[in-house]
Amino acid sequence: MSEQKKAFEHVIRERWCKGCNICVAFCPKQVLVLRNGKVHAAHPDQCIGCRMCELRCPDFAIEIREKGSAESLGRDASEVDYAIKPEAHQ
């Protein structure tokens, strides 16, 4: 049996990103790049879901979710207020 590769989505809060480049530097697969001073997922299909970018971001500007998982379901992104920190959401 061949196992299907897991896919991941990148939730990037551009207003929080200050372009420090930490997430880009820690990404082992070079998925992330800086564009116009903000982080961007240039190669999201290469993401292995290690979450190093998420863990190292000092401003909580990036979040990695597995596509099709329960955590990516639920509230629509348009319902989330990205002006407040993620831990404030219920």
PDB file of N, CA and C in Angstrom:
ATOM      1  N   MET A   1       0.830  -1.192   0.000  1.00  0.00           N
ATOM      2  CA  MET A   1       0.000   0.000   0.000  1.00  0.00           C
ATOM      3  C   MET A   1       0.870   1.250   0.000  1.00  0.00           C
ATOM      4  N   SER A   2       0.511   2.191  -0.841  1.00  0.00           N
ATOM      5  CA  SER A   2       1.253   3.452  -0.837  1.00  0.00           C
ATOM      6  C   SER A   2       0.519   4.455   0.045  1.00  0.00           C
ATOM      7  N   GLU A   3       1.288   5.109   0.874  1.00  0.00           N
ATOM      8  CA  GLU A   3       0.707   6.078   1.796  1.00  0.00           C
ATOM      9  C   GLU A   3       0.689   7.448   1.126  1.00  0.00           C
ATOM     10  N   GLN A   4      -0.450   8.120   1.220  1.00  0.00           N
ATOM     11  CA  GLN A   4      -0.580   9.437   0.621  1.00  0.00           C
ATOM     12  C   GLN A   4       0.148  10.468   1.478  1.00  0.00           C
ATOM     13  N   LYS A   5       0.875  11.363   0.810  1.00  0.00           N
ATOM     14  CA  LYS A   5       1.614  12.410   1.510  1.00  0.00           C
ATOM     15  C   LYS A   5       0.643  13.386   2.151  1.00  0.00           C
ATOM     16  N   LYS A   6       0.910  13.749   3.400  1.00  0.00           N
ATOM     17  CA  LYS A   6       0.072  14.723   4.092  1.00  0.00           C
ATOM     18  C   LYS A   6       0.309  16.110   3.496  1.00  0.00           C
ATOM     19  N   ALA A   7      -0.748  16.885   3.438  1.00  0.00           N
ATOM     20  CA  ALA A   7      -0.658  18.249   2.926  1.00  0.00           C
ATOM     21  C   ALA A   7      -0.946  19.217   4.066  1.00  0.00           C
ATOM     22  N   PHE A   8      -0.289  20.347   4.026  1.00  0.00           N
ATOM     23  CA  PHE A   8      -0.421  21.331   5.087  1.00  0.00           C
ATOM     24  C   PHE A   8      -0.768  22.684   4.502  1.00  0.00           C
ATOM     25  N   GLU A   9      -1.545  23.447   5.268  1.00  0.00           N
ATOM     26  CA  GLU A   9      -1.882  24.801   4.852  1.00  0.00           C
ATOM     27  C   GLU A   9      -1.228  25.783   5.807  1.00  0.00           C
ATOM     28  N   HIS A  10      -0.889  26.944   5.292  1.00  0.00           N
ATOM     29  CA  HIS A  10      -0.200  27.982   6.057  1.00  0.00           C
ATOM     30  C   HIS A  10      -1.149  29.137   6.290  1.00  0.00           C
ATOM     31  N   VAL A  11      -1.433  29.417   7.541  1.00  0.00           N
ATOM     32  CA  VAL A  11      -2.237  30.584   7.900  1.00  0.00           C
ATOM     33  C   VAL A  11      -1.243  31.671   8.284  1.00  0.00           C
ATOM     34  N   ILE A  12      -1.171  32.701   7.468  1.00  0.00           N
ATOM     35  CA  ILE A  12      -0.202  33.775   7.686  1.00  0.00           C
ATOM     36  C   ILE A  12      -0.958  35.062   7.979  1.00  0.00           C
ATOM     37  N   ARG A  13      -0.666  35.625   9.137  1.00  0.00           N
ATOM     38  CA  ARG A  13      -1.284  36.889   9.545  1.00  0.00           C
ATOM     39  C   ARG A  13      -0.305  38.006   9.182  1.00  0.00           C
ATOM     40  N   GLU A  14      -0.475  38.553   7.989  1.00  0.00           N
ATOM     41  CA  GLU A  14       0.477  39.534   7.473  1.00  0.00           C
ATOM     42  C   GLU A  14       0.593  40.779   8.350  1.00  0.00           C
ATOM     43  N   ARG A  15      -0.502  41.159   8.986  1.00  0.00           N
ATOM     44  CA  ARG A  15      -0.446  42.355   9.846  1.00  0.00           C
ATOM     45  C   ARG A  15       0.478  42.149  11.030  1.00  0.00           C
ATOM     46  N   TRP A  16       0.653  40.908  11.471  1.00  0.00           N
ATOM     47  CA  TRP A  16       1.515  40.618  12.617  1.00  0.00           C
ATOM     48  C   TRP A  16       2.968  40.422  12.204  1.00  0.00           C
ATOM     49  N   CYS A  17       3.185  40.055  10.947  1.00  0.00           N
ATOM     50  CA  CYS A  17       4.539  39.748  10.478  1.00  0.00           C
ATOM     51  C   CYS A  17       5.363  41.023  10.352  1.00  0.00           C
ATOM     52  N   LYS A  18       6.539  41.005  10.984  1.00  0.00           N
ATOM     53  CA  LYS A  18       7.435  42.165  10.890  1.00  0.00           C
ATOM     54  C   LYS A  18       8.617  41.883   9.973  1.00  0.00           C
ATOM     55  N   GLY A  19       8.597  40.739   9.302  1.00  0.00           N
ATOM     56  CA  GLY A  19       9.644  40.415   8.341  1.00  0.00           C
ATOM     57  C   GLY A  19      10.987  40.107   8.956  1.00  0.00           C
ATOM     58  N   CYS A  20      10.984  39.483  10.128  1.00  0.00           N
ATOM     59  CA  CYS A  20      12.242  39.211  10.840  1.00  0.00           C
ATOM     60  C   CYS A  20      13.047  38.076  10.207  1.00  0.00           C
ATOM     61  N   ASN A  21      12.417  37.264   9.343  1.00  0.00           N
ATOM     62  CA  ASN A  21      13.088  36.191   8.605  1.00  0.00           C
ATOM     63  C   ASN A  21      13.399  34.949   9.446  1.00  0.00           C
ATOM     64  N   ILE A  22      12.971  34.898  10.685  1.00  0.00           N
ATOM     65  CA  ILE A  22      13.247  33.741  11.543  1.00  0.00           C
ATOM     66  C   ILE A  22      12.582  32.485  11.004  1.00  0.00           C
ATOM     67  N   CYS A  23      11.321  32.587  10.622  1.00  0.00           N
ATOM     68  CA  CYS A  23      10.596  31.426  10.105  1.00  0.00           C
ATOM     69  C   CYS A  23      11.240  30.899   8.822  1.00  0.00           C
ATOM     70  N   VAL A  24      11.671  31.802   7.961  1.00  0.00           N
ATOM     71  CA  VAL A  24      12.327  31.423   6.711  1.00  0.00           C
ATOM     72  C   VAL A  24      13.626  30.677   7.010  1.00  0.00           C
ATOM     73  N   ALA A  25      14.389  31.165   7.960  1.00  0.00           N
ATOM     74  CA  ALA A  25      15.667  30.554   8.314  1.00  0.00           C
ATOM     75  C   ALA A  25      15.503  29.168   8.923  1.00  0.00           C
ATOM     76  N   PHE A  26      14.444  28.940   9.693  1.00  0.00           N
ATOM     77  CA  PHE A  26      14.258  27.653  10.365  1.00  0.00           C
ATOM     78  C   PHE A  26      13.542  26.609   9.513  1.00  0.00           C
ATOM     79  N   CYS A  27      12.959  26.983   8.390  1.00  0.00           N
ATOM     80  CA  CYS A  27      12.229  26.028   7.551  1.00  0.00           C
ATOM     81  C   CYS A  27      13.211  25.066   6.878  1.00  0.00           C
ATOM     82  N   PRO A  28      13.141  23.761   7.202  1.00  0.00           N
ATOM     83  CA  PRO A  28      14.106  22.816   6.636  1.00  0.00           C
ATOM     84  C   PRO A  28      13.878  22.525   5.152  1.00  0.00           C
ATOM     85  N   LYS A  29      12.718  22.848   4.627  1.00  0.00           N
ATOM     86  CA  LYS A  29      12.396  22.566   3.224  1.00  0.00           C
ATOM     87  C   LYS A  29      12.334  23.825   2.355  1.00  0.00           C
ATOM     88  N   GLN A  30      12.728  24.974   2.884  1.00  0.00           N
ATOM     89  CA  GLN A  30      12.719  26.244   2.158  1.00  0.00           C
ATOM     90  C   GLN A  30      11.349  26.532   1.534  1.00  0.00           C
ATOM     91  N   VAL A  31      10.297  26.291   2.323  1.00  0.00           N
ATOM     92  CA  VAL A  31       8.930  26.545   1.884  1.00  0.00           C
ATOM     93  C   VAL A  31       8.620  28.035   1.904  1.00  0.00           C
ATOM     94  N   LEU A  32       9.175  28.724   2.882  1.00  0.00           N
ATOM     95  CA  LEU A  32       8.833  30.129   3.102  1.00  0.00           C
ATOM     96  C   LEU A  32       9.860  31.077   2.501  1.00  0.00           C
ATOM     97  N   VAL A  33       9.352  32.237   2.058  1.00  0.00           N
ATOM     98  CA  VAL A  33      10.205  33.321   1.559  1.00  0.00           C
ATOM     99  C   VAL A  33       9.617  34.638   2.046  1.00  0.00           C
ATOM    100  N   LEU A  34      10.422  35.687   1.993  1.00  0.00           N
ATOM    101  CA  LEU A  34       9.922  37.030   2.291  1.00  0.00           C
ATOM    102  C   LEU A  34       9.609  37.728   0.979  1.00  0.00           C
ATOM    103  N   ARG A  35       8.416  38.298   0.902  1.00  0.00           N
ATOM    104  CA  ARG A  35       8.006  39.101  -0.250  1.00  0.00           C
ATOM    105  C   ARG A  35       7.495  40.421   0.271  1.00  0.00           C
ATOM    106  N   ASN A  36       8.088  41.486  -0.192  1.00  0.00           N
ATOM    107  CA  ASN A  36       7.710  42.830   0.248  1.00  0.00           C
ATOM    108  C   ASN A  36       7.739  42.956   1.766  1.00  0.00           C
ATOM    109  N   GLY A  37       8.706  42.299   2.394  1.00  0.00           N
ATOM    110  CA  GLY A  37       8.888  42.408   3.834  1.00  0.00           C
ATOM    111  C   GLY A  37       7.950  41.558   4.675  1.00  0.00           C
ATOM    112  N   LYS A  38       7.196  40.650   4.050  1.00  0.00           N
ATOM    113  CA  LYS A  38       6.263  39.770   4.768  1.00  0.00           C
ATOM    114  C   LYS A  38       6.511  38.325   4.348  1.00  0.00           C
ATOM    115  N   VAL A  39       6.238  37.385   5.242  1.00  0.00           N
ATOM    116  CA  VAL A  39       6.436  35.973   4.937  1.00  0.00           C
ATOM    117  C   VAL A  39       5.357  35.484   3.966  1.00  0.00           C
ATOM    118  N   HIS A  40       5.770  34.571   3.096  1.00  0.00           N
ATOM    119  CA  HIS A  40       4.872  33.991   2.093  1.00  0.00           C
ATOM    120  C   HIS A  40       5.270  32.532   1.898  1.00  0.00           C
ATOM    121  N   ALA A  41       4.276  31.652   1.760  1.00  0.00           N
ATOM    122  CA  ALA A  41       4.539  30.236   1.499  1.00  0.00           C
ATOM    123  C   ALA A  41       4.726  30.059  -0.006  1.00  0.00           C
ATOM    124  N   ALA A  42       5.971  30.044  -0.462  1.00  0.00           N
ATOM    125  CA  ALA A  42       6.275  29.950  -1.882  1.00  0.00           C
ATOM    126  C   ALA A  42       6.108  28.527  -2.412  1.00  0.00           C
ATOM    127  N   HIS A  43       6.376  27.535  -1.569  1.00  0.00           N
ATOM    128  CA  HIS A  43       6.304  26.128  -1.984  1.00  0.00           C
ATOM    129  C   HIS A  43       5.530  25.308  -0.946  1.00  0.00           C
ATOM    130  N   PRO A  44       4.237  25.579  -0.754  1.00  0.00           N
ATOM    131  CA  PRO A  44       3.482  24.896   0.304  1.00  0.00           C
ATOM    132  C   PRO A  44       3.391  23.380   0.129  1.00  0.00           C
ATOM    133  N   ASP A  45       3.519  22.901  -1.092  1.00  0.00           N
ATOM    134  CA  ASP A  45       3.463  21.455  -1.339  1.00  0.00           C
ATOM    135  C   ASP A  45       4.688  20.726  -0.796  1.00  0.00           C
ATOM    136  N   GLN A  46       5.759  21.449  -0.499  1.00  0.00           N
ATOM    137  CA  GLN A  46       6.980  20.859   0.057  1.00  0.00           C
ATOM    138  C   GLN A  46       6.969  20.800   1.581  1.00  0.00           C
ATOM    139  N   CYS A  47       5.968  21.401   2.217  1.00  0.00           N
ATOM    140  CA  CYS A  47       5.893  21.469   3.679  1.00  0.00           C
ATOM    141  C   CYS A  47       5.739  20.074   4.279  1.00  0.00           C
ATOM    142  N   ILE A  48       6.535  19.784   5.311  1.00  0.00           N
ATOM    143  CA  ILE A  48       6.473  18.490   5.996  1.00  0.00           C
ATOM    144  C   ILE A  48       5.727  18.581   7.324  1.00  0.00           C
ATOM    145  N   GLY A  49       5.250  19.775   7.663  1.00  0.00           N
ATOM    146  CA  GLY A  49       4.465  19.942   8.882  1.00  0.00           C
ATOM    147  C   GLY A  49       5.266  19.919  10.164  1.00  0.00           C
ATOM    148  N   CYS A  50       6.531  20.275  10.116  1.00  0.00           N
ATOM    149  CA  CYS A  50       7.361  20.252  11.327  1.00  0.00           C
ATOM    150  C   CYS A  50       7.008  21.393  12.285  1.00  0.00           C
ATOM    151  N   ARG A  51       6.391  22.433  11.774  1.00  0.00           N
ATOM    152  CA  ARG A  51       5.937  23.598  12.541  1.00  0.00           C
ATOM    153  C   ARG A  51       7.085  24.414  13.159  1.00  0.00           C
ATOM    154  N   MET A  52       8.281  24.261  12.627  1.00  0.00           N
ATOM    155  CA  MET A  52       9.399  25.062  13.146  1.00  0.00           C
ATOM    156  C   MET A  52       9.130  26.547  12.952  1.00  0.00           C
ATOM    157  N   CYS A  53       8.532  26.904  11.837  1.00  0.00           N
ATOM    158  CA  CYS A  53       8.225  28.314  11.581  1.00  0.00           C
ATOM    159  C   CYS A  53       7.227  28.840  12.603  1.00  0.00           C
ATOM    160  N   GLU A  54       6.212  28.045  12.880  1.00  0.00           N
ATOM    161  CA  GLU A  54       5.181  28.430  13.847  1.00  0.00           C
ATOM    162  C   GLU A  54       5.768  28.564  15.250  1.00  0.00           C
ATOM    163  N   LEU A  55       6.601  27.624  15.626  1.00  0.00           N
ATOM    164  CA  LEU A  55       7.186  27.623  16.969  1.00  0.00           C
ATOM    165  C   LEU A  55       8.191  28.749  17.180  1.00  0.00           C
ATOM    166  N   ARG A  56       8.897  29.138  16.133  1.00  0.00           N
ATOM    167  CA  ARG A  56       9.946  30.148  16.254  1.00  0.00           C
ATOM    168  C   ARG A  56       9.464  31.579  16.023  1.00  0.00           C
ATOM    169  N   CYS A  57       8.271  31.743  15.438  1.00  0.00           N
ATOM    170  CA  CYS A  57       7.786  33.093  15.147  1.00  0.00           C
ATOM    171  C   CYS A  57       7.514  33.852  16.443  1.00  0.00           C
ATOM    172  N   PRO A  58       8.206  34.975  16.668  1.00  0.00           N
ATOM    173  CA  PRO A  58       8.020  35.711  17.911  1.00  0.00           C
ATOM    174  C   PRO A  58       6.694  36.478  17.976  1.00  0.00           C
ATOM    175  N   ASP A  59       6.016  36.602  16.832  1.00  0.00           N
ATOM    176  CA  ASP A  59       4.784  37.395  16.783  1.00  0.00           C
ATOM    177  C   ASP A  59       3.531  36.572  16.500  1.00  0.00           C
ATOM    178  N   PHE A  60       3.630  35.238  16.533  1.00  0.00           N
ATOM    179  CA  PHE A  60       2.489  34.350  16.266  1.00  0.00           C
ATOM    180  C   PHE A  60       1.848  34.660  14.912  1.00  0.00           C
ATOM    181  N   ALA A  61       2.665  35.024  13.930  1.00  0.00           N
ATOM    182  CA  ALA A  61       2.149  35.445  12.623  1.00  0.00           C
ATOM    183  C   ALA A  61       1.894  34.284  11.677  1.00  0.00           C
ATOM    184  N   ILE A  62       2.344  33.081  12.022  1.00  0.00           N
ATOM    185  CA  ILE A  62       2.168  31.945  11.127  1.00  0.00           C
ATOM    186  C   ILE A  62       1.659  30.738  11.902  1.00  0.00           C
ATOM    187  N   GLU A  63       0.781  29.991  11.245  1.00  0.00           N
ATOM    188  CA  GLU A  63       0.209  28.788  11.842  1.00  0.00           C
ATOM    189  C   GLU A  63       0.136  27.720  10.758  1.00  0.00           C
ATOM    190  N   ILE A  64       0.496  26.491  11.100  1.00  0.00           N
ATOM    191  CA  ILE A  64       0.478  25.380  10.154  1.00  0.00           C
ATOM    192  C   ILE A  64      -0.631  24.428  10.560  1.00  0.00           C
ATOM    193  N   ARG A  65      -1.465  24.059   9.583  1.00  0.00           N
ATOM    194  CA  ARG A  65      -2.567  23.122   9.825  1.00  0.00           C
ATOM    195  C   ARG A  65      -2.524  22.022   8.780  1.00  0.00           C
ATOM    196  N   GLU A  66      -2.843  20.812   9.210  1.00  0.00           N
ATOM    197  CA  GLU A  66      -2.931  19.716   8.262  1.00  0.00           C
ATOM    198  C   GLU A  66      -4.240  19.850   7.493  1.00  0.00           C
ATOM    199  N   LYS A  67      -4.160  19.774   6.186  1.00  0.00           N
ATOM    200  CA  LYS A  67      -5.372  19.873   5.362  1.00  0.00           C
ATOM    201  C   LYS A  67      -6.241  18.652   5.602  1.00  0.00           C
ATOM    202  N   GLY A  68      -7.528  18.892   5.761  1.00  0.00           N
ATOM    203  CA  GLY A  68      -8.473  17.809   5.966  1.00  0.00           C
ATOM    204  C   GLY A  68      -8.582  17.339   7.401  1.00  0.00           C
ATOM    205  N   SER A  69      -7.809  17.904   8.324  1.00  0.00           N
ATOM    206  CA  SER A  69      -7.902  17.485   9.723  1.00  0.00           C
ATOM    207  C   SER A  69      -9.027  18.238  10.421  1.00  0.00           C
ATOM    208  N   ALA A  70      -9.372  17.789  11.602  1.00  0.00           N
ATOM    209  CA  ALA A  70     -10.451  18.418  12.369  1.00  0.00           C
ATOM    210  C   ALA A  70     -10.123  19.856  12.726  1.00  0.00           C
ATOM    211  N   GLU A  71      -8.844  20.156  12.937  1.00  0.00           N
ATOM    212  CA  GLU A  71      -8.491  21.524  13.321  1.00  0.00           C
ATOM    213  C   GLU A  71      -8.632  22.508  12.167  1.00  0.00           C
ATOM    214  N   SER A  72      -8.577  22.022  10.915  1.00  0.00           N
ATOM    215  CA  SER A  72      -8.769  22.941   9.799  1.00  0.00           C
ATOM    216  C   SER A  72     -10.250  23.123   9.483  1.00  0.00           C
ATOM    217  N   LEU A  73     -11.090  22.295  10.088  1.00  0.00           N
ATOM    218  CA  LEU A  73     -12.528  22.444   9.935  1.00  0.00           C
ATOM    219  C   LEU A  73     -13.053  23.364  11.027  1.00  0.00           C
ATOM    220  N   GLY A  74     -14.309  23.649  11.006  1.00  0.00           N
ATOM    221  CA  GLY A  74     -14.860  24.505  12.050  1.00  0.00           C
ATOM    222  C   GLY A  74     -15.090  25.897  11.532  1.00  0.00           C
ATOM    223  N   ARG A  75     -14.636  26.885  12.283  1.00  0.00           N
ATOM    224  CA  ARG A  75     -14.880  28.267  11.895  1.00  0.00           C
ATOM    225  C   ARG A  75     -14.174  28.613  10.592  1.00  0.00           C
ATOM    226  N   ASP A  76     -14.852  29.383   9.798  1.00  0.00           N
ATOM    227  CA  ASP A  76     -14.289  29.897   8.562  1.00  0.00           C
ATOM    228  C   ASP A  76     -13.284  31.000   8.901  1.00  0.00           C
ATOM    229  N   ALA A  77     -12.266  31.163   8.090  1.00  0.00           N
ATOM    230  CA  ALA A  77     -11.245  32.182   8.351  1.00  0.00           C
ATOM    231  C   ALA A  77     -11.838  33.588   8.396  1.00  0.00           C
ATOM    232  N   SER A  78     -12.935  33.796   7.702  1.00  0.00           N
ATOM    233  CA  SER A  78     -13.553  35.128   7.708  1.00  0.00           C
ATOM    234  C   SER A  78     -14.208  35.448   9.044  1.00  0.00           C
ATOM    235  N   GLU A  79     -14.431  34.433   9.870  1.00  0.00           N
ATOM    236  CA  GLU A  79     -15.052  34.627  11.177  1.00  0.00           C
ATOM    237  C   GLU A  79     -14.032  34.894  12.282  1.00  0.00           C
ATOM    238  N   VAL A  80     -12.755  34.735  11.994  1.00  0.00           N
ATOM    239  CA  VAL A  80     -11.714  34.881  12.998  1.00  0.00           C
ATOM    240  C   VAL A  80     -11.190  36.313  12.974  1.00  0.00           C
ATOM    241  N   ASP A  81     -11.071  36.895  14.133  1.00  0.00           N
ATOM    242  CA  ASP A  81     -10.511  38.243  14.256  1.00  0.00           C
ATOM    243  C   ASP A  81      -9.006  38.118  14.435  1.00  0.00           C
ATOM    244  N   TYR A  82      -8.257  38.375  13.393  1.00  0.00           N
ATOM    245  CA  TYR A  82      -6.813  38.222  13.434  1.00  0.00           C
ATOM    246  C   TYR A  82      -6.113  39.402  14.107  1.00  0.00           C
ATOM    247  N   ALA A  83      -6.880  40.342  14.596  1.00  0.00           N
ATOM    248  CA  ALA A  83      -6.298  41.467  15.318  1.00  0.00           C
ATOM    249  C   ALA A  83      -5.933  41.085  16.748  1.00  0.00           C
ATOM    250  N   ILE A  84      -6.479  39.959  17.235  1.00  0.00           N
ATOM    251  CA  ILE A  84      -6.149  39.505  18.588  1.00  0.00           C
ATOM    252  C   ILE A  84      -5.283  38.251  18.512  1.00  0.00           C
ATOM    253  N   LYS A  85      -4.537  37.995  19.538  1.00  0.00           N
ATOM    254  CA  LYS A  85      -3.636  36.841  19.567  1.00  0.00           C
ATOM    255  C   LYS A  85      -4.410  35.531  19.482  1.00  0.00           C
ATOM    256  N   PRO A  86      -3.816  34.463  18.897  1.00  0.00           N
ATOM    257  CA  PRO A  86      -4.517  33.197  18.714  1.00  0.00           C
ATOM    258  C   PRO A  86      -5.011  32.566  20.002  1.00  0.00           C
ATOM    259  N   GLU A  87      -4.266  32.723  21.089  1.00  0.00           N
ATOM    260  CA  GLU A  87      -4.678  32.092  22.352  1.00  0.00           C
ATOM    261  C   GLU A  87      -5.939  32.722  22.942  1.00  0.00           C
ATOM    262  N   ALA A  88      -6.353  33.867  22.443  1.00  0.00           N
ATOM    263  CA  ALA A  88      -7.559  34.525  22.943  1.00  0.00           C
ATOM    264  C   ALA A  88      -8.825  33.932  22.310  1.00  0.00           C
ATOM    265  N   HIS A  89      -8.664  33.214  21.196  1.00  0.00           N
ATOM    266  CA  HIS A  89      -9.811  32.588  20.534  1.00  0.00           C
ATOM    267  C   HIS A  89     -10.230  31.351  21.311  1.00  0.00           C
ATOM    268  N   GLN A  90     -11.510  31.081  21.288  1.00  0.00           N
ATOM    269  CA  GLN A  90     -12.001  29.876  21.990  1.00  0.00           C
ATOM    270  C   GLN A  90     -12.276  28.773  21.031  1.00  0.00           C
TER     271      GLN A  90
END
